[in-house]
Amino acid sequence: MNAIALVNCEFTDRALWSRILAEADEASTQDVFFKPVVVDTIAECRDLAGAIISRIAGLLSPPASSMSLHMALRSLLDQDSRILAAAAFDMAAVLDRDPATTKALHVLLHAKGFLALQTHRFAHALWNAGQQDFALHLQSCASRSLQVDIHPAAQLGIGIFFDHATGIVIGETSIVEDNVSILQNVTLGGTGKEAGERHPKIRSGVLVGAGAAILGNIEIGANARIGAGSVVLRPVAPETTVAGVPARSLHQNRSMAPARTMDQLFDDGQPLYDVGL
């Protein structure tokens, strides 16, 4: 695991959970109408993993069956603690890269990209264990409730940030490595009905702009930038910016870590989508 996002001690599992508890207590004191939300999500939980499970179960299932899903997810976590080992990295990524999010509590309660990622980690574990029906059920629930559709077989790293997240689609044989940032309405898809490896491989540190479509079994090199609205059909070299329909290479990146800086402007200040094609 790449620990860049957790170098600061404030982003450890226990520190994040302590921060969430403090923020929840403050929010409950300040707003009586918000207090029941905090109680339902936080009060009965003993750690960050438990709170995430509680939030996922509450969002994805009707009240009558949410407890059953909660129990199933907890059992799965007890069997394989690695499922949510990346949660702190993902939460740290949101806090580090989204200036609109200042509280860890808000990530847990409101950041559907974060919650979709954690749901996928359960679904991926189920898929690998041969429980494909349950895995596909979780995928379907997350797609309906969170508007993020990630096939359970897709391989996702840690420290991933889905900004806004609405409309993100990630296909079955996709790979998304560590510390990648993806904005809304991005598709990592195939080019037809071919079998086998047919989806993109997104290497570490990549920034994918809103509305981009990356299609086929192609590699997007580490620390590349994909402009908003681009259609990428060919491999992209590391540390390169591409944009347009179809996407073309523009220049090497100004930043060695575009996924962390979220830098979406050209050197002359033009937005990445404005390529004049």
C-alpha atoms as a PDB file:
ATOM      1  CA  MET A   1       0.000   0.000   0.000  1.00  0.00           C
ATOM      2  CA  ASN A   2       1.103   3.528  -0.767  1.00  0.00           C
ATOM      3  CA  ALA A   3       1.019   5.410   2.529  1.00  0.00           C
ATOM      4  CA  ILE A   4       1.425   8.920   1.092  1.00  0.00           C
ATOM      5  CA  ALA A   5      -2.085   9.912   2.100  1.00  0.00           C
ATOM      6  CA  LEU A   6      -1.582   8.767   5.687  1.00  0.00           C
ATOM      7  CA  VAL A   7       1.795  10.297   6.481  1.00  0.00           C
ATOM      8  CA  ASN A   8       0.041  12.792   8.710  1.00  0.00           C
ATOM      9  CA  CYS A   9      -1.083  11.070  11.919  1.00  0.00           C
ATOM     10  CA  GLU A  10      -4.480  12.768  11.728  1.00  0.00           C
ATOM     11  CA  PHE A  11      -5.406  10.315   8.964  1.00  0.00           C
ATOM     12  CA  THR A  12      -4.902   7.040  10.839  1.00  0.00           C
ATOM     13  CA  ASP A  13      -7.934   4.784  11.413  1.00  0.00           C
ATOM     14  CA  ARG A  14      -8.203   5.567  15.121  1.00  0.00           C
ATOM     15  CA  ALA A  15      -7.513   9.261  14.690  1.00  0.00           C
ATOM     16  CA  LEU A  16     -10.178   9.551  11.996  1.00  0.00           C
ATOM     17  CA  TRP A  17     -12.706   7.753  14.188  1.00  0.00           C
ATOM     18  CA  SER A  18     -11.894  10.019  17.151  1.00  0.00           C
ATOM     19  CA  ARG A  19     -12.294  13.015  14.854  1.00  0.00           C
ATOM     20  CA  ILE A  20     -15.664  11.743  13.607  1.00  0.00           C
ATOM     21  CA  LEU A  21     -16.920  11.221  17.161  1.00  0.00           C
ATOM     22  CA  ALA A  22     -15.892  14.746  18.141  1.00  0.00           C
ATOM     23  CA  GLU A  23     -17.493  16.242  15.023  1.00  0.00           C
ATOM     24  CA  ALA A  24     -20.661  14.192  15.596  1.00  0.00           C
ATOM     25  CA  ASP A  25     -20.917  15.386  19.191  1.00  0.00           C
ATOM     26  CA  GLU A  26     -20.482  18.998  18.113  1.00  0.00           C
ATOM     27  CA  ALA A  27     -23.050  18.664  15.324  1.00  0.00           C
ATOM     28  CA  SER A  28     -25.586  17.020  17.640  1.00  0.00           C
ATOM     29  CA  THR A  29     -25.207  19.812  20.158  1.00  0.00           C
ATOM     30  CA  GLN A  30     -25.602  22.557  17.584  1.00  0.00           C
ATOM     31  CA  ASP A  31     -28.509  21.142  15.582  1.00  0.00           C
ATOM     32  CA  VAL A  32     -31.330  19.202  17.224  1.00  0.00           C
ATOM     33  CA  PHE A  33     -32.730  18.175  13.829  1.00  0.00           C
ATOM     34  CA  PHE A  34     -29.431  16.622  12.770  1.00  0.00           C
ATOM     35  CA  LYS A  35     -28.967  14.699  16.014  1.00  0.00           C
ATOM     36  CA  PRO A  36     -31.090  11.648  14.995  1.00  0.00           C
ATOM     37  CA  VAL A  37     -28.943  11.206  11.883  1.00  0.00           C
ATOM     38  CA  VAL A  38     -25.828  11.148  14.026  1.00  0.00           C
ATOM     39  CA  VAL A  39     -27.393   8.754  16.527  1.00  0.00           C
ATOM     40  CA  ASP A  40     -28.526   6.325  13.809  1.00  0.00           C
ATOM     41  CA  THR A  41     -25.125   6.274  12.106  1.00  0.00           C
ATOM     42  CA  ILE A  42     -22.582   6.771  14.887  1.00  0.00           C
ATOM     43  CA  ALA A  43     -23.950   6.082  18.350  1.00  0.00           C
ATOM     44  CA  GLU A  44     -23.976   2.277  18.286  1.00  0.00           C
ATOM     45  CA  CYS A  45     -20.707   1.885  16.376  1.00  0.00           C
ATOM     46  CA  ARG A  46     -17.420   1.002  18.020  1.00  0.00           C
ATOM     47  CA  ASP A  47     -15.064   1.921  15.172  1.00  0.00           C
ATOM     48  CA  LEU A  48     -14.770   3.377  11.673  1.00  0.00           C
ATOM     49  CA  ALA A  49     -15.439   0.046   9.997  1.00  0.00           C
ATOM     50  CA  GLY A  50     -18.645  -0.430  11.981  1.00  0.00           C
ATOM     51  CA  ALA A  51     -19.848   3.047  11.079  1.00  0.00           C
ATOM     52  CA  ILE A  52     -19.192   2.452   7.385  1.00  0.00           C
ATOM     53  CA  ILE A  53     -21.079  -0.848   7.497  1.00  0.00           C
ATOM     54  CA  SER A  54     -23.976   0.854   9.268  1.00  0.00           C
ATOM     55  CA  ARG A  55     -24.099   3.629   6.686  1.00  0.00           C
ATOM     56  CA  ILE A  56     -23.907   1.239   3.725  1.00  0.00           C
ATOM     57  CA  ALA A  57     -26.628  -1.023   5.132  1.00  0.00           C
ATOM     58  CA  GLY A  58     -28.895   1.938   5.828  1.00  0.00           C
ATOM     59  CA  LEU A  59     -28.460   3.369   2.334  1.00  0.00           C
ATOM     60  CA  LEU A  60     -28.657   0.200   0.273  1.00  0.00           C
ATOM     61  CA  SER A  61     -31.457  -1.722   1.979  1.00  0.00           C
ATOM     62  CA  PRO A  62     -35.039  -0.937   3.014  1.00  0.00           C
ATOM     63  CA  PRO A  63     -35.509  -0.665   6.779  1.00  0.00           C
ATOM     64  CA  ALA A  64     -36.901  -4.200   7.075  1.00  0.00           C
ATOM     65  CA  SER A  65     -33.758  -5.816   5.651  1.00  0.00           C
ATOM     66  CA  SER A  66     -30.991  -3.340   6.568  1.00  0.00           C
ATOM     67  CA  MET A  67     -30.160  -5.254   9.748  1.00  0.00           C
ATOM     68  CA  SER A  68     -29.698  -8.465   7.770  1.00  0.00           C
ATOM     69  CA  LEU A  69     -27.321  -6.714   5.393  1.00  0.00           C
ATOM     70  CA  HIS A  70     -25.504  -5.136   8.328  1.00  0.00           C
ATOM     71  CA  MET A  71     -24.972  -8.560   9.879  1.00  0.00           C
ATOM     72  CA  ALA A  72     -23.827 -10.067   6.586  1.00  0.00           C
ATOM     73  CA  LEU A  73     -21.290  -7.300   5.990  1.00  0.00           C
ATOM     74  CA  ARG A  74     -19.992  -7.519   9.554  1.00  0.00           C
ATOM     75  CA  SER A  75     -19.570 -11.285   9.175  1.00  0.00           C
ATOM     76  CA  LEU A  76     -17.688 -10.753   5.942  1.00  0.00           C
ATOM     77  CA  LEU A  77     -15.428  -8.174   7.570  1.00  0.00           C
ATOM     78  CA  ASP A  78     -14.724 -10.509  10.474  1.00  0.00           C
ATOM     79  CA  GLN A  79     -13.570 -13.131   7.964  1.00  0.00           C
ATOM     80  CA  ASP A  80     -11.375 -10.725   6.005  1.00  0.00           C
ATOM     81  CA  SER A  81     -10.278  -7.522   7.745  1.00  0.00           C
ATOM     82  CA  ARG A  82      -8.581  -6.323   4.538  1.00  0.00           C
ATOM     83  CA  ILE A  83     -11.951  -5.384   3.022  1.00  0.00           C
ATOM     84  CA  LEU A  84     -12.058  -2.039   4.796  1.00  0.00           C
ATOM     85  CA  ALA A  85      -8.348  -1.629   5.459  1.00  0.00           C
ATOM     86  CA  ALA A  86      -8.315   1.017   2.716  1.00  0.00           C
ATOM     87  CA  ALA A  87     -11.169   3.074   4.173  1.00  0.00           C
ATOM     88  CA  ALA A  88      -8.896   5.508   6.017  1.00  0.00           C
ATOM     89  CA  PHE A  89      -6.842   6.067   2.858  1.00  0.00           C
ATOM     90  CA  ASP A  90     -10.007   6.800   0.874  1.00  0.00           C
ATOM     91  CA  MET A  91     -11.349   9.139   3.548  1.00  0.00           C
ATOM     92  CA  ALA A  92      -8.001  10.913   3.722  1.00  0.00           C
ATOM     93  CA  ALA A  93      -8.107  11.355  -0.058  1.00  0.00           C
ATOM     94  CA  VAL A  94     -11.461  13.146   0.167  1.00  0.00           C
ATOM     95  CA  LEU A  95     -10.279  15.432   2.959  1.00  0.00           C
ATOM     96  CA  ASP A  96      -7.025  16.164   1.143  1.00  0.00           C
ATOM     97  CA  ARG A  97      -8.411  16.819  -2.347  1.00  0.00           C
ATOM     98  CA  ASP A  98     -11.917  18.250  -1.899  1.00  0.00           C
ATOM     99  CA  PRO A  99     -11.902  21.839  -0.588  1.00  0.00           C
ATOM    100  CA  ALA A 100     -15.664  21.634  -0.061  1.00  0.00           C
ATOM    101  CA  THR A 101     -15.275  18.848   2.513  1.00  0.00           C
ATOM    102  CA  THR A 102     -13.811  19.888   5.853  1.00  0.00           C
ATOM    103  CA  LYS A 103     -15.190  17.223   8.206  1.00  0.00           C
ATOM    104  CA  ALA A 104     -14.546  13.489   8.303  1.00  0.00           C
ATOM    105  CA  LEU A 105     -18.120  13.136   9.585  1.00  0.00           C
ATOM    106  CA  HIS A 106     -19.412  14.556   6.306  1.00  0.00           C
ATOM    107  CA  VAL A 107     -17.359  12.058   4.306  1.00  0.00           C
ATOM    108  CA  LEU A 108     -18.943   9.200   6.244  1.00  0.00           C
ATOM    109  CA  LEU A 109     -22.484  10.560   6.004  1.00  0.00           C
ATOM    110  CA  HIS A 110     -22.629  12.322   2.652  1.00  0.00           C
ATOM    111  CA  ALA A 111     -19.763  11.438   0.287  1.00  0.00           C
ATOM    112  CA  LYS A 112     -21.419   8.882  -1.969  1.00  0.00           C
ATOM    113  CA  GLY A 113     -18.187   8.302  -3.881  1.00  0.00           C
ATOM    114  CA  PHE A 114     -16.514   7.204  -0.651  1.00  0.00           C
ATOM    115  CA  LEU A 115     -19.473   4.995   0.277  1.00  0.00           C
ATOM    116  CA  ALA A 116     -19.590   3.488  -3.213  1.00  0.00           C
ATOM    117  CA  LEU A 117     -15.912   2.584  -2.927  1.00  0.00           C
ATOM    118  CA  GLN A 118     -16.423   0.850   0.403  1.00  0.00           C
ATOM    119  CA  THR A 119     -19.442  -1.031  -0.959  1.00  0.00           C
ATOM    120  CA  HIS A 120     -17.302  -2.185  -3.866  1.00  0.00           C
ATOM    121  CA  ARG A 121     -14.651  -3.515  -1.490  1.00  0.00           C
ATOM    122  CA  PHE A 122     -17.260  -5.835   0.039  1.00  0.00           C
ATOM    123  CA  ALA A 123     -18.608  -6.816  -3.375  1.00  0.00           C
ATOM    124  CA  HIS A 124     -15.100  -7.512  -4.688  1.00  0.00           C
ATOM    125  CA  ALA A 125     -14.332  -9.789  -1.730  1.00  0.00           C
ATOM    126  CA  LEU A 126     -17.587 -11.652  -2.298  1.00  0.00           C
ATOM    127  CA  TRP A 127     -16.813 -12.010  -6.000  1.00  0.00           C
ATOM    128  CA  ASN A 128     -13.376 -13.448  -5.285  1.00  0.00           C
ATOM    129  CA  ALA A 129     -14.911 -15.859  -2.762  1.00  0.00           C
ATOM    130  CA  GLY A 130     -17.310 -17.236  -5.370  1.00  0.00           C
ATOM    131  CA  GLN A 131     -20.393 -15.492  -3.932  1.00  0.00           C
ATOM    132  CA  GLN A 132     -21.176 -13.749  -7.184  1.00  0.00           C
ATOM    133  CA  ASP A 133     -24.935 -13.452  -6.676  1.00  0.00           C
ATOM    134  CA  PHE A 134     -24.465 -11.492  -3.438  1.00  0.00           C
ATOM    135  CA  ALA A 135     -21.694  -9.422  -5.044  1.00  0.00           C
ATOM    136  CA  LEU A 136     -23.888  -8.459  -7.987  1.00  0.00           C
ATOM    137  CA  HIS A 137     -26.723  -7.627  -5.585  1.00  0.00           C
ATOM    138  CA  LEU A 138     -24.474  -5.143  -3.773  1.00  0.00           C
ATOM    139  CA  GLN A 139     -23.398  -3.664  -7.112  1.00  0.00           C
ATOM    140  CA  SER A 140     -27.021  -3.231  -8.172  1.00  0.00           C
ATOM    141  CA  CYS A 141     -28.015  -1.624  -4.858  1.00  0.00           C
ATOM    142  CA  ALA A 142     -25.087   0.797  -5.001  1.00  0.00           C
ATOM    143  CA  SER A 143     -25.880   1.683  -8.613  1.00  0.00           C
ATOM    144  CA  ARG A 144     -29.482   2.536  -7.730  1.00  0.00           C
ATOM    145  CA  SER A 145     -28.803   4.343  -4.451  1.00  0.00           C
ATOM    146  CA  LEU A 146     -25.465   6.044  -5.145  1.00  0.00           C
ATOM    147  CA  GLN A 147     -25.415   6.345  -8.971  1.00  0.00           C
ATOM    148  CA  VAL A 148     -22.005   4.667  -9.105  1.00  0.00           C
ATOM    149  CA  ASP A 149     -21.741   1.382 -11.007  1.00  0.00           C
ATOM    150  CA  ILE A 150     -18.563  -0.652 -10.344  1.00  0.00           C
ATOM    151  CA  HIS A 151     -18.444  -4.276 -11.427  1.00  0.00           C
ATOM    152  CA  PRO A 152     -17.496  -6.478  -8.451  1.00  0.00           C
ATOM    153  CA  ALA A 153     -14.569  -7.999 -10.372  1.00  0.00           C
ATOM    154  CA  ALA A 154     -12.908  -4.618 -11.022  1.00  0.00           C
ATOM    155  CA  GLN A 155      -9.665  -4.127  -9.088  1.00  0.00           C
ATOM    156  CA  LEU A 156      -9.392  -0.844  -7.165  1.00  0.00           C
ATOM    157  CA  GLY A 157      -6.432   0.418  -5.170  1.00  0.00           C
ATOM    158  CA  ILE A 158      -6.370   2.714  -2.141  1.00  0.00           C
ATOM    159  CA  GLY A 159      -6.513   6.472  -1.685  1.00  0.00           C
ATOM    160  CA  ILE A 160      -9.044   6.776  -4.521  1.00  0.00           C
ATOM    161  CA  PHE A 161     -11.212   9.893  -4.749  1.00  0.00           C
ATOM    162  CA  PHE A 162     -14.520  10.021  -6.645  1.00  0.00           C
ATOM    163  CA  ASP A 163     -15.386  13.730  -6.797  1.00  0.00           C
ATOM    164  CA  HIS A 164     -19.198  14.120  -6.949  1.00  0.00           C
ATOM    165  CA  ALA A 165     -19.235  10.501  -8.232  1.00  0.00           C
ATOM    166  CA  THR A 166     -22.592  10.618 -10.020  1.00  0.00           C
ATOM    167  CA  GLY A 167     -22.548   8.548 -13.194  1.00  0.00           C
ATOM    168  CA  ILE A 168     -19.190   6.807 -12.722  1.00  0.00           C
ATOM    169  CA  VAL A 169     -19.104   3.414 -14.472  1.00  0.00           C
ATOM    170  CA  ILE A 170     -16.180   0.978 -14.082  1.00  0.00           C
ATOM    171  CA  GLY A 171     -16.200  -2.246 -16.079  1.00  0.00           C
ATOM    172  CA  GLU A 172     -15.393  -5.796 -15.082  1.00  0.00           C
ATOM    173  CA  THR A 173     -11.725  -6.070 -16.102  1.00  0.00           C
ATOM    174  CA  SER A 174     -10.760  -2.515 -15.143  1.00  0.00           C
ATOM    175  CA  ILE A 175      -7.826  -1.824 -12.840  1.00  0.00           C
ATOM    176  CA  VAL A 176      -7.572   1.460 -10.923  1.00  0.00           C
ATOM    177  CA  GLU A 177      -4.370   1.772  -8.922  1.00  0.00           C
ATOM    178  CA  ASP A 178      -3.585   3.851  -5.826  1.00  0.00           C
ATOM    179  CA  ASN A 179      -4.136   7.598  -5.402  1.00  0.00           C
ATOM    180  CA  VAL A 180      -6.318   8.087  -8.494  1.00  0.00           C
ATOM    181  CA  SER A 181      -8.928  10.887  -8.727  1.00  0.00           C
ATOM    182  CA  ILE A 182     -12.006  10.482 -10.929  1.00  0.00           C
ATOM    183  CA  LEU A 183     -14.698  13.098 -11.430  1.00  0.00           C
ATOM    184  CA  GLN A 184     -18.363  12.603 -12.256  1.00  0.00           C
ATOM    185  CA  ASN A 185     -19.785  10.836 -15.338  1.00  0.00           C
ATOM    186  CA  VAL A 186     -16.562   8.995 -16.142  1.00  0.00           C
ATOM    187  CA  THR A 187     -16.756   5.657 -17.967  1.00  0.00           C
ATOM    188  CA  LEU A 188     -14.053   2.999 -17.885  1.00  0.00           C
ATOM    189  CA  GLY A 189     -15.619   0.763 -20.494  1.00  0.00           C
ATOM    190  CA  GLY A 190     -15.124  -1.722 -23.289  1.00  0.00           C
ATOM    191  CA  THR A 191     -15.379  -1.165 -27.023  1.00  0.00           C
ATOM    192  CA  GLY A 192     -17.870  -3.905 -27.835  1.00  0.00           C
ATOM    193  CA  LYS A 193     -18.675  -7.496 -26.943  1.00  0.00           C
ATOM    194  CA  GLU A 194     -15.120  -8.809 -26.880  1.00  0.00           C
ATOM    195  CA  ALA A 195     -14.204 -11.281 -24.139  1.00  0.00           C
ATOM    196  CA  GLY A 196     -11.266 -11.336 -21.751  1.00  0.00           C
ATOM    197  CA  GLU A 197      -9.348  -8.222 -20.782  1.00  0.00           C
ATOM    198  CA  ARG A 198     -11.411  -5.444 -22.342  1.00  0.00           C
ATOM    199  CA  HIS A 199     -11.339  -2.493 -19.913  1.00  0.00           C
ATOM    200  CA  PRO A 200      -8.789   0.228 -19.058  1.00  0.00           C
ATOM    201  CA  LYS A 201      -5.874  -0.031 -16.649  1.00  0.00           C
ATOM    202  CA  ILE A 202      -5.489   3.261 -14.754  1.00  0.00           C
ATOM    203  CA  ARG A 203      -2.091   3.537 -13.095  1.00  0.00           C
ATOM    204  CA  SER A 204      -1.331   5.412  -9.886  1.00  0.00           C
ATOM    205  CA  GLY A 205      -1.725   9.158  -9.555  1.00  0.00           C
ATOM    206  CA  VAL A 206      -3.957   9.649 -12.617  1.00  0.00           C
ATOM    207  CA  LEU A 207      -6.555  12.447 -12.766  1.00  0.00           C
ATOM    208  CA  VAL A 208      -9.619  11.743 -14.940  1.00  0.00           C
ATOM    209  CA  GLY A 209     -11.754  14.800 -15.731  1.00  0.00           C
ATOM    210  CA  ALA A 210     -15.553  14.957 -15.678  1.00  0.00           C
ATOM    211  CA  GLY A 211     -17.394  13.195 -18.483  1.00  0.00           C
ATOM    212  CA  ALA A 212     -14.352  11.414 -19.878  1.00  0.00           C
ATOM    213  CA  ALA A 213     -14.741   8.002 -21.502  1.00  0.00           C
ATOM    214  CA  ILE A 214     -11.740   5.664 -21.519  1.00  0.00           C
ATOM    215  CA  LEU A 215     -12.553   2.647 -23.659  1.00  0.00           C
ATOM    216  CA  GLY A 216     -10.830  -0.651 -24.285  1.00  0.00           C
ATOM    217  CA  ASN A 217      -7.968  -2.617 -22.789  1.00  0.00           C
ATOM    218  CA  ILE A 218      -5.566   0.325 -22.765  1.00  0.00           C
ATOM    219  CA  GLU A 219      -3.157   1.649 -20.155  1.00  0.00           C
ATOM    220  CA  ILE A 220      -3.244   5.158 -18.741  1.00  0.00           C
ATOM    221  CA  GLY A 221       0.268   5.743 -17.413  1.00  0.00           C
ATOM    222  CA  ALA A 222       1.066   6.916 -13.911  1.00  0.00           C
ATOM    223  CA  ASN A 223       0.363  10.599 -13.134  1.00  0.00           C
ATOM    224  CA  ALA A 224      -1.356  11.238 -16.476  1.00  0.00           C
ATOM    225  CA  ARG A 225      -4.233  13.710 -16.857  1.00  0.00           C
ATOM    226  CA  ILE A 226      -7.375  13.015 -18.887  1.00  0.00           C
ATOM    227  CA  GLY A 227      -9.245  16.165 -19.911  1.00  0.00           C
ATOM    228  CA  ALA A 228     -12.936  16.610 -19.156  1.00  0.00           C
ATOM    229  CA  GLY A 229     -15.214  15.254 -21.860  1.00  0.00           C
ATOM    230  CA  SER A 230     -12.407  13.376 -23.618  1.00  0.00           C
ATOM    231  CA  VAL A 231     -12.801  10.063 -25.412  1.00  0.00           C
ATOM    232  CA  VAL A 232      -9.617   8.037 -24.920  1.00  0.00           C
ATOM    233  CA  LEU A 233      -9.129   5.068 -27.271  1.00  0.00           C
ATOM    234  CA  ARG A 234      -5.343   4.688 -27.181  1.00  0.00           C
ATOM    235  CA  PRO A 235      -2.778   4.227 -24.388  1.00  0.00           C
ATOM    236  CA  VAL A 236      -1.559   7.356 -22.607  1.00  0.00           C
ATOM    237  CA  ALA A 237       2.078   7.700 -21.569  1.00  0.00           C
ATOM    238  CA  PRO A 238       2.936   8.467 -17.949  1.00  0.00           C
ATOM    239  CA  GLU A 239       2.912  12.130 -16.873  1.00  0.00           C
ATOM    240  CA  THR A 240       1.101  13.190 -20.048  1.00  0.00           C
ATOM    241  CA  THR A 241      -2.012  15.310 -20.538  1.00  0.00           C
ATOM    242  CA  VAL A 242      -4.549  14.262 -23.181  1.00  0.00           C
ATOM    243  CA  ALA A 243      -7.823  15.883 -24.166  1.00  0.00           C
ATOM    244  CA  GLY A 244     -10.336  16.000 -26.974  1.00  0.00           C
ATOM    245  CA  VAL A 245     -12.562  13.710 -29.045  1.00  0.00           C
ATOM    246  CA  PRO A 246     -10.728  11.561 -29.807  1.00  0.00           C
ATOM    247  CA  ALA A 247      -8.140  12.451 -27.178  1.00  0.00           C
ATOM    248  CA  ARG A 248      -4.728  13.666 -28.291  1.00  0.00           C
ATOM    249  CA  SER A 249      -1.552  14.307 -26.356  1.00  0.00           C
ATOM    250  CA  LEU A 250      -1.023  17.946 -25.387  1.00  0.00           C
ATOM    251  CA  HIS A 251       2.141  18.117 -23.267  1.00  0.00           C
ATOM    252  CA  GLN A 252       3.815  16.728 -20.210  1.00  0.00           C
ATOM    253  CA  ASN A 253       2.120  17.520 -16.926  1.00  0.00           C
ATOM    254  CA  ARG A 254       3.011  20.525 -14.803  1.00  0.00           C
ATOM    255  CA  SER A 255       2.335  18.483 -11.694  1.00  0.00           C
ATOM    256  CA  MET A 256       3.885  15.134 -10.851  1.00  0.00           C
ATOM    257  CA  ALA A 257       0.810  14.318  -8.755  1.00  0.00           C
ATOM    258  CA  PRO A 258      -2.256  15.556 -10.684  1.00  0.00           C
ATOM    259  CA  ALA A 259      -4.646  13.297  -8.787  1.00  0.00           C
ATOM    260  CA  ARG A 260      -3.684  15.039  -5.535  1.00  0.00           C
ATOM    261  CA  THR A 261      -3.457  18.603  -6.834  1.00  0.00           C
ATOM    262  CA  MET A 262      -6.670  18.215  -8.880  1.00  0.00           C
ATOM    263  CA  ASP A 263      -5.070  20.593 -11.406  1.00  0.00           C
ATOM    264  CA  GLN A 264      -7.386  20.754 -14.437  1.00  0.00           C
ATOM    265  CA  LEU A 265      -5.972  23.759 -16.297  1.00  0.00           C
ATOM    266  CA  PHE A 266      -3.565  24.042 -19.205  1.00  0.00           C
ATOM    267  CA  ASP A 267      -0.368  26.038 -18.835  1.00  0.00           C
ATOM    268  CA  ASP A 268      -2.117  29.033 -20.400  1.00  0.00           C
ATOM    269  CA  GLY A 269      -5.033  28.787 -17.982  1.00  0.00           C
ATOM    270  CA  GLN A 270      -7.541  27.131 -20.317  1.00  0.00           C
ATOM    271  CA  PRO A 271      -9.682  24.335 -18.856  1.00  0.00           C
ATOM    272  CA  LEU A 272      -8.655  20.846 -19.875  1.00  0.00           C
ATOM    273  CA  TYR A 273     -11.826  20.342 -21.925  1.00  0.00           C
ATOM    274  CA  ASP A 274     -11.268  23.512 -24.004  1.00  0.00           C
ATOM    275  CA  VAL A 275      -8.922  22.162 -26.673  1.00  0.00           C
ATOM    276  CA  GLY A 276     -10.457  23.828 -29.702  1.00  0.00           C
ATOM    277  CA  LEU A 277     -10.906  20.642 -31.743  1.00  0.00           C
END
